[in-house]
C-alpha atoms as a PDB file:
ATOM      1  CA  MET A   1     -13.328 -11.354  10.468  1.00  0.00           C
ATOM      2  CA  ARG A   2     -14.284 -14.881   9.462  1.00  0.00           C
ATOM      3  CA  LEU A   3     -16.599 -13.534   6.777  1.00  0.00           C
ATOM      4  CA  LEU A   4     -13.821 -11.358   5.326  1.00  0.00           C
ATOM      5  CA  PHE A   5     -11.334 -14.198   5.074  1.00  0.00           C
ATOM      6  CA  ALA A   6     -13.962 -16.587   3.738  1.00  0.00           C
ATOM      7  CA  THR A   7     -15.027 -14.101   1.052  1.00  0.00           C
ATOM      8  CA  ILE A   8     -11.488 -13.467  -0.206  1.00  0.00           C
ATOM      9  CA  PHE A   9     -10.456 -17.090   0.036  1.00  0.00           C
ATOM     10  CA  LEU A  10     -13.523 -18.608  -1.593  1.00  0.00           C
ATOM     11  CA  SER A  11     -13.534 -16.034  -4.380  1.00  0.00           C
ATOM     12  CA  LEU A  12      -9.953 -16.859  -5.286  1.00  0.00           C
ATOM     13  CA  VAL A  13     -10.469 -20.598  -5.047  1.00  0.00           C
ATOM     14  CA  THR A  14     -13.578 -20.375  -7.240  1.00  0.00           C
ATOM     15  CA  TYR A  15     -11.753 -18.545 -10.003  1.00  0.00           C
ATOM     16  CA  LEU A  16      -8.664 -20.700  -9.737  1.00  0.00           C
ATOM     17  CA  ALA A  17     -10.732 -23.856  -9.964  1.00  0.00           C
ATOM     18  CA  ALA A  18     -12.408 -22.539 -13.106  1.00  0.00           C
ATOM     19  CA  GLN A  19      -9.066 -22.471 -14.921  1.00  0.00           C
ATOM     20  CA  PRO A  20      -8.132 -25.862 -16.361  1.00  0.00           C
ATOM     21  CA  ASP A  21      -4.410 -25.229 -16.823  1.00  0.00           C
ATOM     22  CA  VAL A  22      -2.193 -22.311 -15.888  1.00  0.00           C
ATOM     23  CA  SER A  23       0.283 -23.054 -18.628  1.00  0.00           C
ATOM     24  CA  SER A  24      -2.412 -22.585 -21.249  1.00  0.00           C
ATOM     25  CA  THR A  25      -2.904 -18.910 -20.399  1.00  0.00           C
ATOM     26  CA  SER A  26       0.230 -17.871 -22.287  1.00  0.00           C
ATOM     27  CA  ALA A  27       0.855 -18.518 -25.928  1.00  0.00           C
ATOM     28  CA  SER A  28       3.791 -18.043 -28.242  1.00  0.00           C
ATOM     29  CA  ALA A  29       1.691 -17.146 -31.299  1.00  0.00           C
ATOM     30  CA  PRO A  30       0.827 -13.437 -31.723  1.00  0.00           C
ATOM     31  CA  GLN A  31      -2.552 -12.426 -30.319  1.00  0.00           C
ATOM     32  CA  PRO A  32      -4.940 -10.135 -32.223  1.00  0.00           C
ATOM     33  CA  VAL A  33      -5.437  -6.859 -30.359  1.00  0.00           C
ATOM     34  CA  GLU A  34      -9.221  -7.135 -30.822  1.00  0.00           C
ATOM     35  CA  GLU A  35      -9.149 -10.359 -28.807  1.00  0.00           C
ATOM     36  CA  ALA A  36      -7.102  -8.720 -26.048  1.00  0.00           C
ATOM     37  CA  GLN A  37      -9.466  -5.743 -25.911  1.00  0.00           C
ATOM     38  CA  GLN A  38     -12.338  -8.107 -25.155  1.00  0.00           C
ATOM     39  CA  ALA A  39     -10.370 -10.023 -22.504  1.00  0.00           C
ATOM     40  CA  MET A  40     -11.318  -7.699 -19.627  1.00  0.00           C
ATOM     41  CA  SER A  41     -15.015  -7.217 -19.043  1.00  0.00           C
ATOM     42  CA  LYS A  42     -16.552  -4.695 -16.668  1.00  0.00           C
ATOM     43  CA  THR A  43     -17.157  -7.588 -14.292  1.00  0.00           C
ATOM     44  CA  ASP A  44     -13.426  -8.342 -14.376  1.00  0.00           C
ATOM     45  CA  ALA A  45     -12.714  -4.661 -13.644  1.00  0.00           C
ATOM     46  CA  VAL A  46     -15.003  -4.803 -10.604  1.00  0.00           C
ATOM     47  CA  ILE A  47     -13.364  -8.018  -9.373  1.00  0.00           C
ATOM     48  CA  LEU A  48      -9.870  -6.551  -9.715  1.00  0.00           C
ATOM     49  CA  GLY A  49     -11.014  -3.351  -7.965  1.00  0.00           C
ATOM     50  CA  ILE A  50     -12.424  -5.321  -5.029  1.00  0.00           C
ATOM     51  CA  VAL A  51      -9.299  -7.463  -4.709  1.00  0.00           C
ATOM     52  CA  GLU A  52      -7.031  -4.399  -4.937  1.00  0.00           C
ATOM     53  CA  GLY A  53      -9.029  -2.365  -2.429  1.00  0.00           C
ATOM     54  CA  ILE A  54      -9.384  -5.112   0.168  1.00  0.00           C
ATOM     55  CA  THR A  55      -5.843  -6.459  -0.037  1.00  0.00           C
ATOM     56  CA  GLU A  56      -3.852  -3.232  -0.523  1.00  0.00           C
ATOM     57  CA  PHE A  57      -3.803  -2.382   3.172  1.00  0.00           C
ATOM     58  CA  LEU A  58      -4.369  -5.809   4.709  1.00  0.00           C
ATOM     59  CA  PRO A  59      -1.058  -7.626   5.391  1.00  0.00           C
ATOM     60  CA  ILE A  60      -1.730 -10.326   2.800  1.00  0.00           C
ATOM     61  CA  SER A  61      -0.221  -8.733  -0.352  1.00  0.00           C
ATOM     62  CA  SER A  62      -2.332  -6.906  -2.901  1.00  0.00           C
ATOM     63  CA  THR A  63       0.187  -7.485  -5.714  1.00  0.00           C
ATOM     64  CA  GLY A  64       0.265 -11.201  -5.011  1.00  0.00           C
ATOM     65  CA  HIS A  65      -3.519 -11.471  -4.981  1.00  0.00           C
ATOM     66  CA  LEU A  66      -3.827  -9.398  -8.147  1.00  0.00           C
ATOM     67  CA  ILE A  67      -1.271 -11.569  -9.979  1.00  0.00           C
ATOM     68  CA  ILE A  68      -3.298 -14.593  -8.901  1.00  0.00           C
ATOM     69  CA  THR A  69      -6.557 -12.942  -9.989  1.00  0.00           C
ATOM     70  CA  ASN A  70      -5.117 -11.878 -13.352  1.00  0.00           C
ATOM     71  CA  THR A  71      -4.073 -15.476 -13.955  1.00  0.00           C
ATOM     72  CA  ALA A  72      -7.483 -16.759 -12.936  1.00  0.00           C
ATOM     73  CA  LEU A  73      -9.230 -14.273 -15.238  1.00  0.00           C
ATOM     74  CA  GLY A  74      -6.995 -15.204 -18.165  1.00  0.00           C
ATOM     75  CA  LEU A  75      -5.259 -11.817 -18.335  1.00  0.00           C
ATOM     76  CA  ASP A  76      -1.698 -13.180 -18.246  1.00  0.00           C
ATOM     77  CA  ASN A  77      -1.181 -13.967 -21.937  1.00  0.00           C
ATOM     78  CA  ASP A  78       2.350 -12.851 -22.832  1.00  0.00           C
ATOM     79  CA  ALA A  79       2.041 -13.257 -26.611  1.00  0.00           C
ATOM     80  CA  GLN A  80       2.781 -10.051 -28.520  1.00  0.00           C
ATOM     81  CA  LEU A  81      -0.321  -8.293 -29.820  1.00  0.00           C
ATOM     82  CA  VAL A  82      -0.852  -7.623 -33.516  1.00  0.00           C
ATOM     83  CA  ASP A  83      -3.219  -5.203 -35.250  1.00  0.00           C
ATOM     84  CA  ALA A  84      -5.839  -6.070 -37.852  1.00  0.00           C
ATOM     85  CA  ASP A  85      -3.171  -6.110 -40.565  1.00  0.00           C
ATOM     86  CA  GLY A  86      -0.981  -8.513 -38.637  1.00  0.00           C
ATOM     87  CA  GLN A  87       1.592  -5.863 -37.696  1.00  0.00           C
ATOM     88  CA  LEU A  88       3.316  -6.321 -34.335  1.00  0.00           C
ATOM     89  CA  LEU A  89       2.357  -3.778 -31.640  1.00  0.00           C
ATOM     90  CA  TRP A  90       4.859  -2.307 -29.206  1.00  0.00           C
ATOM     91  CA  ALA A  91       4.672  -0.688 -25.780  1.00  0.00           C
ATOM     92  CA  GLU A  92       8.122   0.673 -26.615  1.00  0.00           C
ATOM     93  CA  ALA A  93       9.318   0.371 -30.191  1.00  0.00           C
ATOM     94  CA  PRO A  94      12.843  -0.978 -30.839  1.00  0.00           C
ATOM     95  CA  SER A  95      15.471   1.740 -30.854  1.00  0.00           C
ATOM     96  CA  ALA A  96      19.224   2.191 -30.817  1.00  0.00           C
ATOM     97  CA  GLU A  97      19.124   2.338 -27.010  1.00  0.00           C
ATOM     98  CA  ASN A  98      16.789  -0.659 -26.741  1.00  0.00           C
ATOM     99  CA  PRO A  99      17.098  -2.823 -29.869  1.00  0.00           C
ATOM    100  CA  ALA A 100      14.706  -5.484 -28.538  1.00  0.00           C
ATOM    101  CA  GLY A 101      11.993  -2.956 -27.674  1.00  0.00           C
ATOM    102  CA  GLU A 102       9.128  -3.874 -25.342  1.00  0.00           C
ATOM    103  CA  PRO A 103       6.339  -5.880 -26.984  1.00  0.00           C
ATOM    104  CA  LEU A 104       2.768  -4.914 -26.185  1.00  0.00           C
ATOM    105  CA  THR A 105       1.067  -7.896 -24.564  1.00  0.00           C
ATOM    106  CA  LEU A 106      -2.136  -8.540 -22.663  1.00  0.00           C
ATOM    107  CA  LYS A 107      -0.052  -9.377 -19.590  1.00  0.00           C
ATOM    108  CA  LEU A 108       1.820  -6.056 -19.766  1.00  0.00           C
ATOM    109  CA  ALA A 109      -1.456  -4.155 -20.012  1.00  0.00           C
ATOM    110  CA  ALA A 110      -2.967  -6.116 -17.099  1.00  0.00           C
ATOM    111  CA  ASP A 111       0.144  -5.696 -14.913  1.00  0.00           C
ATOM    112  CA  THR A 112       0.024  -1.946 -15.532  1.00  0.00           C
ATOM    113  CA  TYR A 113      -3.711  -1.878 -14.832  1.00  0.00           C
ATOM    114  CA  ILE A 114      -3.380  -3.416 -11.372  1.00  0.00           C
ATOM    115  CA  VAL A 115      -0.782  -0.794 -10.426  1.00  0.00           C
ATOM    116  CA  VAL A 116      -2.710   2.175 -11.826  1.00  0.00           C
ATOM    117  CA  ILE A 117      -5.984   1.337 -10.045  1.00  0.00           C
ATOM    118  CA  GLN A 118      -4.083   1.700  -6.771  1.00  0.00           C
ATOM    119  CA  VAL A 119      -4.988   5.376  -7.165  1.00  0.00           C
ATOM    120  CA  GLY A 120      -8.409   4.403  -5.844  1.00  0.00           C
ATOM    121  CA  ALA A 121      -6.886   2.925  -2.704  1.00  0.00           C
ATOM    122  CA  ILE A 122      -4.755   6.063  -2.305  1.00  0.00           C
ATOM    123  CA  ALA A 123      -7.882   8.209  -2.455  1.00  0.00           C
ATOM    124  CA  ALA A 124      -9.448   6.178   0.366  1.00  0.00           C
ATOM    125  CA  VAL A 125      -6.441   6.729   2.647  1.00  0.00           C
ATOM    126  CA  VAL A 126      -6.367  10.445   1.823  1.00  0.00           C
ATOM    127  CA  PHE A 127     -10.014  10.698   2.871  1.00  0.00           C
ATOM    128  CA  ILE A 128      -9.603   8.719   6.107  1.00  0.00           C
ATOM    129  CA  PHE A 129      -6.333  10.318   7.206  1.00  0.00           C
ATOM    130  CA  TRP A 130      -7.083  13.834   6.012  1.00  0.00           C
ATOM    131  CA  PRO A 131      -6.390  15.293   9.503  1.00  0.00           C
ATOM    132  CA  SER A 132      -2.863  13.827   9.432  1.00  0.00           C
ATOM    133  CA  LEU A 133      -2.276  15.301   5.983  1.00  0.00           C
ATOM    134  CA  MET A 134      -3.461  18.703   7.184  1.00  0.00           C
ATOM    135  CA  LEU A 135      -1.157  18.368  10.190  1.00  0.00           C
ATOM    136  CA  MET A 136       1.788  17.822   7.838  1.00  0.00           C
ATOM    137  CA  LEU A 137       0.726  20.843   5.802  1.00  0.00           C
ATOM    138  CA  GLN A 138       0.711  22.902   8.993  1.00  0.00           C
ATOM    139  CA  GLY A 139       4.196  21.559   9.682  1.00  0.00           C
ATOM    140  CA  VAL A 140       5.434  22.811   6.309  1.00  0.00           C
ATOM    141  CA  ARG A 141       3.984  26.215   7.181  1.00  0.00           C
ATOM    142  CA  GLY A 142       5.810  26.207  10.495  1.00  0.00           C
ATOM    143  CA  GLN A 143       2.582  25.873  12.496  1.00  0.00           C
ATOM    144  CA  SER A 144       3.039  22.326  13.828  1.00  0.00           C
ATOM    145  CA  ARG A 145       6.236  20.638  14.961  1.00  0.00           C
ATOM    146  CA  GLU A 146       4.427  17.287  15.133  1.00  0.00           C
ATOM    147  CA  GLY A 147       3.299  17.645  11.524  1.00  0.00           C
ATOM    148  CA  LEU A 148       6.811  18.509  10.358  1.00  0.00           C
ATOM    149  CA  LEU A 149       8.304  15.500  12.156  1.00  0.00           C
ATOM    150  CA  LEU A 150       5.633  13.218  10.704  1.00  0.00           C
ATOM    151  CA  LEU A 151       6.376  14.496   7.188  1.00  0.00           C
ATOM    152  CA  ARG A 152      10.094  13.995   7.764  1.00  0.00           C
ATOM    153  CA  ASN A 153       9.588  10.403   8.909  1.00  0.00           C
ATOM    154  CA  ILE A 154       7.348   9.557   5.965  1.00  0.00           C
ATOM    155  CA  ALA A 155       9.948  10.977   3.565  1.00  0.00           C
ATOM    156  CA  LEU A 156      12.776   9.027   5.216  1.00  0.00           C
ATOM    157  CA  ALA A 157      10.747   5.802   5.071  1.00  0.00           C
ATOM    158  CA  PHE A 158       9.868   6.465   1.427  1.00  0.00           C
ATOM    159  CA  PHE A 159      13.313   6.961  -0.121  1.00  0.00           C
ATOM    160  CA  PRO A 160      14.886   3.496   0.418  1.00  0.00           C
ATOM    161  CA  VAL A 161      12.141   1.719  -1.519  1.00  0.00           C
ATOM    162  CA  VAL A 162      12.324   4.318  -4.303  1.00  0.00           C
ATOM    163  CA  ILE A 163      16.056   3.800  -4.735  1.00  0.00           C
ATOM    164  CA  VAL A 164      15.881  -0.001  -4.664  1.00  0.00           C
ATOM    165  CA  GLY A 165      12.688  -0.115  -6.740  1.00  0.00           C
ATOM    166  CA  LEU A 166      14.079   2.031  -9.552  1.00  0.00           C
ATOM    167  CA  ALA A 167      17.370   0.139  -9.544  1.00  0.00           C
ATOM    168  CA  PHE A 168      15.755  -3.289  -9.824  1.00  0.00           C
ATOM    169  CA  ASP A 169      12.412  -2.507 -11.527  1.00  0.00           C
ATOM    170  CA  ASP A 170      13.113  -4.383 -14.762  1.00  0.00           C
ATOM    171  CA  TRP A 171      14.607  -7.366 -12.928  1.00  0.00           C
ATOM    172  CA  ILE A 172      11.618  -7.560 -10.579  1.00  0.00           C
ATOM    173  CA  ASP A 173       9.152  -7.416 -13.498  1.00  0.00           C
ATOM    174  CA  ALA A 174      11.048 -10.148 -15.323  1.00  0.00           C
ATOM    175  CA  ASN A 175      11.661 -12.523 -12.431  1.00  0.00           C
ATOM    176  CA  LEU A 176       9.258 -12.031  -9.532  1.00  0.00           C
ATOM    177  CA  PHE A 177       5.800 -11.664 -11.111  1.00  0.00           C
ATOM    178  CA  SER A 178       4.718 -15.304 -11.058  1.00  0.00           C
ATOM    179  CA  ILE A 179       2.518 -17.573  -8.972  1.00  0.00           C
ATOM    180  CA  TRP A 180       5.468 -19.517  -7.524  1.00  0.00           C
ATOM    181  CA  THR A 181       7.276 -16.394  -6.320  1.00  0.00           C
ATOM    182  CA  VAL A 182       4.022 -15.230  -4.718  1.00  0.00           C
ATOM    183  CA  ILE A 183       3.674 -18.599  -2.952  1.00  0.00           C
ATOM    184  CA  ALA A 184       7.202 -18.328  -1.577  1.00  0.00           C
ATOM    185  CA  ALA A 185       6.615 -14.738  -0.428  1.00  0.00           C
ATOM    186  CA  LEU A 186       3.350 -15.666   1.291  1.00  0.00           C
ATOM    187  CA  VAL A 187       5.121 -18.322   3.371  1.00  0.00           C
ATOM    188  CA  VAL A 188       8.206 -16.239   4.155  1.00  0.00           C
ATOM    189  CA  GLY A 189       6.016 -13.269   5.052  1.00  0.00           C
ATOM    190  CA  ALA A 190       3.895 -15.410   7.375  1.00  0.00           C
ATOM    191  CA  GLY A 191       7.003 -16.528   9.249  1.00  0.00           C
ATOM    192  CA  PHE A 192       8.151 -12.903   9.478  1.00  0.00           C
ATOM    193  CA  MET A 193       4.779 -11.915  10.947  1.00  0.00           C
ATOM    194  CA  VAL A 194       4.839 -14.689  13.566  1.00  0.00           C
ATOM    195  CA  PHE A 195       8.329 -13.651  14.638  1.00  0.00           C
ATOM    196  CA  ALA A 196       7.276  -9.990  14.817  1.00  0.00           C
ATOM    197  CA  GLU A 197       4.185 -10.791  16.918  1.00  0.00           C
ATOM    198  CA  ARG A 198       6.278 -12.765  19.403  1.00  0.00           C
ATOM    199  CA  TRP A 199       8.800  -9.934  19.562  1.00  0.00           C
ATOM    200  CA  ARG A 200       6.034  -7.373  20.111  1.00  0.00           C
ATOM    201  CA  LYS A 201       4.400  -9.324  22.925  1.00  0.00           C
ATOM    202  CA  LYS A 202       7.772  -9.664  24.650  1.00  0.00           C
ATOM    203  CA  HIS A 203       8.944  -6.072  24.235  1.00  0.00           C
ATOM    204  CA  LEU A 204       5.562  -4.274  24.206  1.00  0.00           C
ATOM    205  CA  PRO A 205       3.624  -6.340  26.763  1.00  0.00           C
ATOM    206  CA  ALA A 206      -0.129  -6.050  27.120  1.00  0.00           C
ATOM    207  CA  SER A 207       0.342  -4.999  30.734  1.00  0.00           C
ATOM    208  CA  ALA A 208       1.650  -1.625  29.548  1.00  0.00           C
ATOM    209  CA  PRO A 209      -0.426  -0.703  26.497  1.00  0.00           C
ATOM    210  CA  ALA A 210      -0.597   2.976  27.383  1.00  0.00           C
ATOM    211  CA  ALA A 211       3.188   3.369  27.319  1.00  0.00           C
ATOM    212  CA  ALA A 212       3.396   1.681  23.935  1.00  0.00           C
ATOM    213  CA  ALA A 213       0.531   3.722  22.539  1.00  0.00           C
ATOM    214  CA  GLU A 214       2.255   6.960  23.563  1.00  0.00           C
ATOM    215  CA  LYS A 215       4.789   6.534  20.781  1.00  0.00           C
ATOM    216  CA  ARG A 216       3.344   7.947  17.587  1.00  0.00           C
ATOM    217  CA  PRO A 217       4.679   7.939  14.016  1.00  0.00           C
ATOM    218  CA  CYS A 218       5.878  11.525  14.509  1.00  0.00           C
ATOM    219  CA  ASP A 219       7.929  10.354  17.522  1.00  0.00           C
ATOM    220  CA  LEU A 220      10.129   8.029  15.447  1.00  0.00           C
ATOM    221  CA  SER A 221      13.747   9.096  15.207  1.00  0.00           C
ATOM    222  CA  PRO A 222      15.259   9.640  11.734  1.00  0.00           C
ATOM    223  CA  ARG A 223      17.159   6.361  12.115  1.00  0.00           C
ATOM    224  CA  GLU A 224      13.980   4.463  13.008  1.00  0.00           C
ATOM    225  CA  ALA A 225      12.112   5.950  10.033  1.00  0.00           C
ATOM    226  CA  VAL A 226      14.907   4.866   7.685  1.00  0.00           C
ATOM    227  CA  GLN A 227      14.822   1.398   9.245  1.00  0.00           C
ATOM    228  CA  VAL A 228      11.119   1.126   8.424  1.00  0.00           C
ATOM    229  CA  GLY A 229      11.930   2.234   4.876  1.00  0.00           C
ATOM    230  CA  CYS A 230      14.634  -0.402   4.515  1.00  0.00           C
ATOM    231  CA  VAL A 231      12.272  -3.124   5.740  1.00  0.00           C
ATOM    232  CA  GLN A 232       9.694  -1.842   3.252  1.00  0.00           C
ATOM    233  CA  CYS A 233      12.039  -2.796   0.404  1.00  0.00           C
ATOM    234  CA  LEU A 234      11.060  -6.419   1.075  1.00  0.00           C
ATOM    235  CA  ALA A 235       7.642  -5.525  -0.333  1.00  0.00           C
ATOM    236  CA  LEU A 236       9.161  -5.293  -3.823  1.00  0.00           C
ATOM    237  CA  TRP A 237       8.896  -9.090  -3.724  1.00  0.00           C
ATOM    238  CA  PRO A 238       5.283  -9.675  -4.905  1.00  0.00           C
ATOM    239  CA  GLY A 239       3.371 -11.579  -2.271  1.00  0.00           C
ATOM    240  CA  MET A 240       5.308 -10.154   0.675  1.00  0.00           C
ATOM    241  CA  SER A 241       2.898  -7.212   1.321  1.00  0.00           C
ATOM    242  CA  ARG A 242       3.981  -3.606   1.695  1.00  0.00           C
ATOM    243  CA  SER A 243       1.538  -2.931   4.518  1.00  0.00           C
ATOM    244  CA  MET A 244       2.773  -5.992   6.423  1.00  0.00           C
ATOM    245  CA  VAL A 245       6.487  -5.197   6.267  1.00  0.00           C
ATOM    246  CA  THR A 246       5.984  -1.544   7.199  1.00  0.00           C
ATOM    247  CA  MET A 247       3.767  -2.521  10.139  1.00  0.00           C
ATOM    248  CA  VAL A 248       6.376  -5.026  11.297  1.00  0.00           C
ATOM    249  CA  GLY A 249       9.046  -2.369  10.867  1.00  0.00           C
ATOM    250  CA  GLY A 250       6.934  -0.112  13.076  1.00  0.00           C
ATOM    251  CA  TYR A 251       6.712  -2.866  15.697  1.00  0.00           C
ATOM    252  CA  PHE A 252      10.502  -3.075  15.892  1.00  0.00           C
ATOM    253  CA  CYS A 253      10.648   0.706  16.370  1.00  0.00           C
ATOM    254  CA  GLY A 254       8.258   0.592  19.325  1.00  0.00           C
ATOM    255  CA  LEU A 255       4.924   1.435  17.675  1.00  0.00           C
ATOM    256  CA  ALA A 256       1.807  -0.335  18.910  1.00  0.00           C
ATOM    257  CA  PRO A 257      -0.183  -2.209  16.198  1.00  0.00           C
ATOM    258  CA  ALA A 258      -2.698   0.557  15.465  1.00  0.00           C
ATOM    259  CA  ARG A 259       0.047   3.204  15.344  1.00  0.00           C
ATOM    260  CA  ALA A 260       2.193   0.970  13.126  1.00  0.00           C
ATOM    261  CA  ALA A 261      -0.762   0.521  10.779  1.00  0.00           C
ATOM    262  CA  GLU A 262      -1.338   4.286  10.680  1.00  0.00           C
ATOM    263  CA  PHE A 263       2.291   4.903   9.713  1.00  0.00           C
ATOM    264  CA  SER A 264       2.095   2.117   7.130  1.00  0.00           C
ATOM    265  CA  PHE A 265      -0.937   3.734   5.486  1.00  0.00           C
ATOM    266  CA  LEU A 266       0.677   7.178   5.390  1.00  0.00           C
ATOM    267  CA  VAL A 267       3.979   5.874   4.006  1.00  0.00           C
ATOM    268  CA  GLY A 268       1.945   4.026   1.403  1.00  0.00           C
ATOM    269  CA  LEU A 269       0.658   7.273  -0.096  1.00  0.00           C
ATOM    270  CA  PRO A 270       3.927   8.326  -1.798  1.00  0.00           C
ATOM    271  CA  VAL A 271       4.971   4.720  -2.455  1.00  0.00           C
ATOM    272  CA  LEU A 272       1.736   3.726  -4.185  1.00  0.00           C
ATOM    273  CA  GLY A 273       1.338   7.112  -5.834  1.00  0.00           C
ATOM    274  CA  GLY A 274       4.887   6.982  -7.180  1.00  0.00           C
ATOM    275  CA  ALA A 275       4.438   3.434  -8.469  1.00  0.00           C
ATOM    276  CA  ALA A 276       1.152   4.315 -10.179  1.00  0.00           C
ATOM    277  CA  LEU A 277       2.682   7.420 -11.772  1.00  0.00           C
ATOM    278  CA  TYR A 278       5.796   5.555 -12.928  1.00  0.00           C
ATOM    279  CA  LYS A 279       3.852   2.649 -14.408  1.00  0.00           C
ATOM    280  CA  GLY A 280       1.266   4.999 -15.869  1.00  0.00           C
ATOM    281  CA  LEU A 281       3.880   7.053 -17.687  1.00  0.00           C
ATOM    282  CA  LYS A 282       5.824   3.978 -18.772  1.00  0.00           C
ATOM    283  CA  ALA A 283       3.007   1.771 -20.046  1.00  0.00           C
ATOM    284  CA  GLY A 284      -0.236   3.665 -19.383  1.00  0.00           C
ATOM    285  CA  PRO A 285      -0.973   4.561 -23.032  1.00  0.00           C
ATOM    286  CA  ALA A 286      -0.506   0.928 -24.013  1.00  0.00           C
ATOM    287  CA  MET A 287      -2.839  -0.190 -21.214  1.00  0.00           C
ATOM    288  CA  VAL A 288      -5.532   2.298 -22.264  1.00  0.00           C
ATOM    289  CA  ALA A 289      -5.153   1.187 -25.893  1.00  0.00           C
ATOM    290  CA  VAL A 290      -5.943  -2.377 -24.823  1.00  0.00           C
ATOM    291  CA  PHE A 291      -8.553  -1.929 -22.073  1.00  0.00           C
ATOM    292  CA  GLY A 292      -9.919   1.595 -22.535  1.00  0.00           C
ATOM    293  CA  TRP A 293     -10.693   4.251 -19.928  1.00  0.00           C
ATOM    294  CA  SER A 294     -13.984   2.929 -18.599  1.00  0.00           C
ATOM    295  CA  GLU A 295     -12.554  -0.271 -17.124  1.00  0.00           C
ATOM    296  CA  MET A 296      -9.740   1.666 -15.441  1.00  0.00           C
ATOM    297  CA  LEU A 297     -12.175   4.139 -13.873  1.00  0.00           C
ATOM    298  CA  ILE A 298     -14.463   1.344 -12.686  1.00  0.00           C
ATOM    299  CA  GLY A 299     -11.546  -0.534 -11.116  1.00  0.00           C
ATOM    300  CA  GLY A 300     -10.241   2.581  -9.379  1.00  0.00           C
ATOM    301  CA  LEU A 301     -13.643   3.551  -7.971  1.00  0.00           C
ATOM    302  CA  VAL A 302     -14.361   0.072  -6.655  1.00  0.00           C
ATOM    303  CA  ALA A 303     -10.850  -0.087  -5.177  1.00  0.00           C
ATOM    304  CA  ALA A 304     -11.469   3.175  -3.297  1.00  0.00           C
ATOM    305  CA  VAL A 305     -14.661   1.906  -1.642  1.00  0.00           C
ATOM    306  CA  ALA A 306     -13.147  -1.473  -0.785  1.00  0.00           C
ATOM    307  CA  ALA A 307      -9.943   0.098   0.571  1.00  0.00           C
ATOM    308  CA  ALA A 308     -11.859   2.466   2.858  1.00  0.00           C
ATOM    309  CA  ALA A 309     -13.688  -0.481   4.404  1.00  0.00           C
ATOM    310  CA  ALA A 310     -10.479  -2.515   4.722  1.00  0.00           C
ATOM    311  CA  VAL A 311      -8.534   0.286   6.447  1.00  0.00           C
ATOM    312  CA  ARG A 312     -11.215   0.894   9.063  1.00  0.00           C
ATOM    313  CA  PHE A 313     -11.518  -2.837   9.700  1.00  0.00           C
ATOM    314  CA  LEU A 314      -7.759  -3.377  10.025  1.00  0.00           C
ATOM    315  CA  VAL A 315      -7.146  -0.606  12.550  1.00  0.00           C
ATOM    316  CA  ALA A 316      -9.946  -1.873  14.787  1.00  0.00           C
ATOM    317  CA  TYR A 317      -8.836  -5.493  14.428  1.00  0.00           C
ATOM    318  CA  LEU A 318      -5.146  -4.905  15.163  1.00  0.00           C
ATOM    319  CA  GLN A 319      -5.937  -3.105  18.394  1.00  0.00           C
ATOM    320  CA  LYS A 320      -7.432  -6.343  19.729  1.00  0.00           C
ATOM    321  CA  PHE A 321      -5.736  -9.245  17.968  1.00  0.00           C
ATOM    322  CA  GLY A 322      -2.518  -8.313  16.153  1.00  0.00           C
ATOM    323  CA  LEU A 323      -1.227  -9.959  12.961  1.00  0.00           C
ATOM    324  CA  GLY A 324      -1.500 -13.661  13.877  1.00  0.00           C
ATOM    325  CA  ALA A 325      -4.657 -14.531  11.927  1.00  0.00           C
ATOM    326  CA  PHE A 326      -3.275 -12.929   8.775  1.00  0.00           C
ATOM    327  CA  ALA A 327      -0.196 -15.155   8.973  1.00  0.00           C
ATOM    328  CA  ILE A 328      -2.437 -18.220   9.086  1.00  0.00           C
ATOM    329  CA  TYR A 329      -4.385 -16.971   6.070  1.00  0.00           C
ATOM    330  CA  ARG A 330      -1.170 -16.500   4.096  1.00  0.00           C
ATOM    331  CA  VAL A 331       0.014 -20.055   4.791  1.00  0.00           C
ATOM    332  CA  VAL A 332      -3.362 -21.595   3.897  1.00  0.00           C
ATOM    333  CA  LEU A 333      -3.501 -19.595   0.664  1.00  0.00           C
ATOM    334  CA  ALA A 334       0.061 -20.627  -0.212  1.00  0.00           C
ATOM    335  CA  ILE A 335      -0.828 -24.302   0.281  1.00  0.00           C
ATOM    336  CA  VAL A 336      -3.957 -24.020  -1.884  1.00  0.00           C
ATOM    337  CA  LEU A 337      -1.999 -22.273  -4.645  1.00  0.00           C
ATOM    338  CA  ALA A 338       0.821 -24.828  -4.535  1.00  0.00           C
ATOM    339  CA  LEU A 339      -1.644 -27.714  -4.815  1.00  0.00           C
ATOM    340  CA  TRP A 340      -3.384 -25.970  -7.709  1.00  0.00           C
ATOM    341  CA  MET A 341      -0.113 -25.356  -9.526  1.00  0.00           C
ATOM    342  CA  LEU A 342       0.959 -28.981  -9.074  1.00  0.00           C
ATOM    343  CA  ASP A 343      -2.395 -30.381 -10.241  1.00  0.00           C
END
């Protein structure tokens, strides 16, 4: 546990310290596309894959860490790209419906990249929880009531975040993808986790672990599944952590930590898959034009391996210790980031 936190923390601090000034990473002058294409090396792709895989299912926010890492790697330049002839490049050309268009920038390509490589993390969960997926398939075939109830609960927990996410997608992209919003979310999320742990210990005492463990994700009522989905909407705030809010939502519905984590992972499949598909269709061609296919494949593969290790670690850890240590990590990281931003 100590090694995991030290590795993530020291890696981020090292890269952050290497950057002399955050404000210098963005420029108003157009950026040549050839320069942007060289901005992400294969080493950067590996780093982003590791960060995505490790943090996607730990309750410390993958999006927040990836925004931080993109900034540290210098991938947050929001100047519009131009081709060799000096012509402006567009992710979405100006039109009658959208006169301003959507400029193609290094930051847009990098933001899309960190969403698309989540496919690797999805693949890891599919592999680990394959029996649960087969159970749901049996439920669709009418062969397993438990599988059908589990599928129902995942669907009910999935829809609230889809509705809110689609309604506020542009606003979130424009206003919440910054270091300061991540810092705020890390602190607020830590407080939420501390409150949830105290609530769990009071309402699901250690003296009766068997009774708590009896409740499984398939045992949630439709109302409880929707409640988890509504809590999951908080994860649209980068830095809050989707896995954290869904686990906490599971706590409040009576799931023990390991069961809450299991439900969080399974709900994450359609959420992450939908986000990757949406971003891929919206800005995927522009991302590939800037970074190419090889970096995306490397990032996704590394993310899959790292995510598999993180999921197995988290389930085992939560059974013994709960979420407390992760809350401490979030606060410490928020303090380090705030001091760095104010330097």
